[in-house]
C-alpha atoms as a PDB file:
ATOM      1  CA  UNK A   1       7.284  17.185  -1.825  1.00  0.00           C
ATOM      2  CA  UNK A   2       4.450  15.027  -2.479  1.00  0.00           C
ATOM      3  CA  UNK A   3       4.390  13.472   0.937  1.00  0.00           C
ATOM      4  CA  UNK A   4       4.294  16.856   2.259  1.00  0.00           C
ATOM      5  CA  UNK A   5       1.092  17.730   0.294  1.00  0.00           C
ATOM      6  CA  UNK A   6      -0.807  14.646   1.215  1.00  0.00           C
ATOM      7  CA  UNK A   7       0.052  15.616   5.235  1.00  0.00           C
ATOM      8  CA  UNK A   8      -1.215  19.057   4.984  1.00  0.00           C
ATOM      9  CA  UNK A   9      -4.371  17.968   2.904  1.00  0.00           C
ATOM     10  CA  UNK A  10      -4.932  15.200   5.633  1.00  0.00           C
ATOM     11  CA  UNK A  11      -4.557  17.890   8.517  1.00  0.00           C
ATOM     12  CA  UNK A  12      -6.962  20.448   6.764  1.00  0.00           C
ATOM     13  CA  UNK A  13      -9.282  17.549   6.104  1.00  0.00           C
ATOM     14  CA  UNK A  14      -9.008  16.565   9.983  1.00  0.00           C
ATOM     15  CA  UNK A  15      -9.583  20.127  11.063  1.00  0.00           C
ATOM     16  CA  UNK A  16     -12.842  20.283   8.836  1.00  0.00           C
ATOM     17  CA  UNK A  17     -14.149  17.441  10.486  1.00  0.00           C
ATOM     18  CA  UNK A  18     -13.345  18.520  14.031  1.00  0.00           C
ATOM     19  CA  UNK A  19     -15.060  21.987  13.060  1.00  0.00           C
ATOM     20  CA  UNK A  20     -18.189  20.054  11.776  1.00  0.00           C
ATOM     21  CA  UNK A  21     -18.169  17.578  14.713  1.00  0.00           C
ATOM     22  CA  UNK A  22     -17.915  20.529  17.491  1.00  0.00           C
ATOM     23  CA  UNK A  23     -20.625  22.721  15.352  1.00  0.00           C
ATOM     24  CA  UNK A  24     -23.040  19.599  15.735  1.00  0.00           C
ATOM     25  CA  UNK A  25     -22.772  18.841  19.492  1.00  0.00           C
ATOM     26  CA  UNK A  26     -26.307  17.903  20.172  1.00  0.00           C
ATOM     27  CA  UNK A  27     -27.603  14.514  21.240  1.00  0.00           C
ATOM     28  CA  UNK A  28     -28.765  12.123  18.539  1.00  0.00           C
ATOM     29  CA  UNK A  29     -30.553   8.656  18.673  1.00  0.00           C
ATOM     30  CA  UNK A  30     -27.837   6.224  16.943  1.00  0.00           C
ATOM     31  CA  UNK A  31     -29.284   2.833  15.518  1.00  0.00           C
ATOM     32  CA  UNK A  32     -27.116  -0.097  15.085  1.00  0.00           C
ATOM     33  CA  UNK A  33     -27.899  -3.657  14.769  1.00  0.00           C
ATOM     34  CA  UNK A  34     -28.272  -4.588  18.044  1.00  0.00           C
ATOM     35  CA  UNK A  35     -29.914  -1.763  19.711  1.00  0.00           C
ATOM     36  CA  UNK A  36     -30.194   1.972  19.948  1.00  0.00           C
ATOM     37  CA  UNK A  37     -28.066   4.616  22.150  1.00  0.00           C
ATOM     38  CA  UNK A  38     -28.466   8.432  22.519  1.00  0.00           C
ATOM     39  CA  UNK A  39     -24.973   9.801  21.998  1.00  0.00           C
ATOM     40  CA  UNK A  40     -23.585  13.357  21.102  1.00  0.00           C
ATOM     41  CA  UNK A  41     -23.292  13.907  17.377  1.00  0.00           C
ATOM     42  CA  UNK A  42     -19.649  14.837  17.684  1.00  0.00           C
ATOM     43  CA  UNK A  43     -18.621  11.423  18.842  1.00  0.00           C
ATOM     44  CA  UNK A  44     -20.482   9.728  16.240  1.00  0.00           C
ATOM     45  CA  UNK A  45     -18.935  12.143  13.222  1.00  0.00           C
ATOM     46  CA  UNK A  46     -15.454  11.519  15.006  1.00  0.00           C
ATOM     47  CA  UNK A  47     -15.693   7.896  15.281  1.00  0.00           C
ATOM     48  CA  UNK A  48     -17.072   7.331  11.806  1.00  0.00           C
ATOM     49  CA  UNK A  49     -14.069   9.526  10.567  1.00  0.00           C
ATOM     50  CA  UNK A  50     -11.560   7.461  12.698  1.00  0.00           C
ATOM     51  CA  UNK A  51     -12.972   4.361  11.356  1.00  0.00           C
ATOM     52  CA  UNK A  52     -12.872   5.267   7.791  1.00  0.00           C
ATOM     53  CA  UNK A  53      -9.480   6.383   8.166  1.00  0.00           C
ATOM     54  CA  UNK A  54      -8.185   2.950   9.668  1.00  0.00           C
ATOM     55  CA  UNK A  55     -10.270   1.041   7.081  1.00  0.00           C
ATOM     56  CA  UNK A  56      -8.549   2.799   4.347  1.00  0.00           C
ATOM     57  CA  UNK A  57      -5.064   2.880   6.162  1.00  0.00           C
ATOM     58  CA  UNK A  58      -5.715  -0.876   6.405  1.00  0.00           C
ATOM     59  CA  UNK A  59      -6.227  -1.417   2.865  1.00  0.00           C
ATOM     60  CA  UNK A  60      -3.371   0.823   1.925  1.00  0.00           C
ATOM     61  CA  UNK A  61      -0.968  -1.145   4.023  1.00  0.00           C
ATOM     62  CA  UNK A  62      -2.367  -4.317   2.538  1.00  0.00           C
ATOM     63  CA  UNK A  63      -1.681  -3.085  -1.184  1.00  0.00           C
ATOM     64  CA  UNK A  64       1.843  -2.216   0.017  1.00  0.00           C
ATOM     65  CA  UNK A  65       2.712  -5.398   1.383  1.00  0.00           C
ATOM     66  CA  UNK A  66       1.180  -6.927  -1.937  1.00  0.00           C
ATOM     67  CA  UNK A  67       3.419  -4.643  -4.201  1.00  0.00           C
ATOM     68  CA  UNK A  68       6.476  -5.442  -2.212  1.00  0.00           C
ATOM     69  CA  UNK A  69       6.082  -9.147  -2.509  1.00  0.00           C
ATOM     70  CA  UNK A  70       5.355  -8.722  -6.037  1.00  0.00           C
ATOM     71  CA  UNK A  71       8.707  -6.764  -6.256  1.00  0.00           C
ATOM     72  CA  UNK A  72      10.668  -9.362  -4.397  1.00  0.00           C
ATOM     73  CA  UNK A  73       9.202 -11.966  -6.592  1.00  0.00           C
ATOM     74  CA  UNK A  74      10.221 -10.249  -9.709  1.00  0.00           C
ATOM     75  CA  UNK A  75      13.486  -9.233  -8.434  1.00  0.00           C
ATOM     76  CA  UNK A  76      14.262 -13.239  -7.852  1.00  0.00           C
ATOM     77  CA  UNK A  77      12.809 -13.699 -11.264  1.00  0.00           C
ATOM     78  CA  UNK A  78      14.985 -11.502 -12.928  1.00  0.00           C
ATOM     79  CA  UNK A  79      17.986 -12.559 -11.195  1.00  0.00           C
ATOM     80  CA  UNK A  80      17.068 -16.032 -12.083  1.00  0.00           C
ATOM     81  CA  UNK A  81      16.958 -15.252 -15.594  1.00  0.00           C
ATOM     82  CA  UNK A  82      20.019 -13.215 -15.836  1.00  0.00           C
ATOM     83  CA  UNK A  83      22.008 -16.141 -14.309  1.00  0.00           C
ATOM     84  CA  UNK A  84      20.851 -18.447 -17.012  1.00  0.00           C
ATOM     85  CA  UNK A  85      21.579 -16.049 -19.750  1.00  0.00           C
ATOM     86  CA  UNK A  86      25.209 -15.680 -18.133  1.00  0.00           C
ATOM     87  CA  UNK A  87      25.361 -19.476 -18.615  1.00  0.00           C
ATOM     88  CA  UNK A  88      24.106 -19.518 -22.053  1.00  0.00           C
ATOM     89  CA  UNK A  89      26.886 -16.700 -23.036  1.00  0.00           C
ATOM     90  CA  UNK A  90      29.659 -18.633 -21.365  1.00  0.00           C
ATOM     91  CA  UNK A  91      28.413 -21.938 -22.919  1.00  0.00           C
ATOM     92  CA  UNK A  92      28.283 -20.121 -26.234  1.00  0.00           C
ATOM     93  CA  UNK A  93      32.003 -19.053 -25.695  1.00  0.00           C
ATOM     94  CA  UNK A  94      33.176 -22.247 -24.569  1.00  0.00           C
ATOM     95  CA  UNK A  95      31.724 -24.004 -27.982  1.00  0.00           C
ATOM     96  CA  UNK A  96      33.435 -21.332 -30.046  1.00  0.00           C
ATOM     97  CA  UNK A  97      36.679 -21.920 -28.018  1.00  0.00           C
ATOM     98  CA  UNK A  98      36.373 -25.854 -28.697  1.00  0.00           C
ATOM     99  CA  UNK A  99      35.816 -25.204 -32.510  1.00  0.00           C
ATOM    100  CA  UNK A 100      38.639 -23.170 -32.802  1.00  0.00           C
ATOM    101  CA  UNK A 101      41.126 -25.312 -30.970  1.00  0.00           C
ATOM    102  CA  UNK A 102      40.055 -28.789 -32.711  1.00  0.00           C
ATOM    103  CA  UNK A 103      42.012 -29.762 -35.373  1.00  0.00           C
ATOM    104  CA  UNK A 104      39.811 -29.734 -38.408  1.00  0.00           C
END
């Protein structure tokens, strides 16, 4: 349900950007580091939105990968600690059995 809400919000936001871009269709001068070009404002708005979306998506994917790696590492550590705990319990049980079997 939460994913559907994000999808609907994203589509509405994209529609808003598209309408805003179409309304601003006149040519503007665009200055960047290496020079200047005259482009329609609609292309600049849509291009900026696309670059922003790709940037956010990249950092989101990067965070997901980091969290998956952390989960994998923690699951590995948990299994290691569970194994160690089982070994300690088995050793304690063996110690109790040995004490009960030795004549005292």
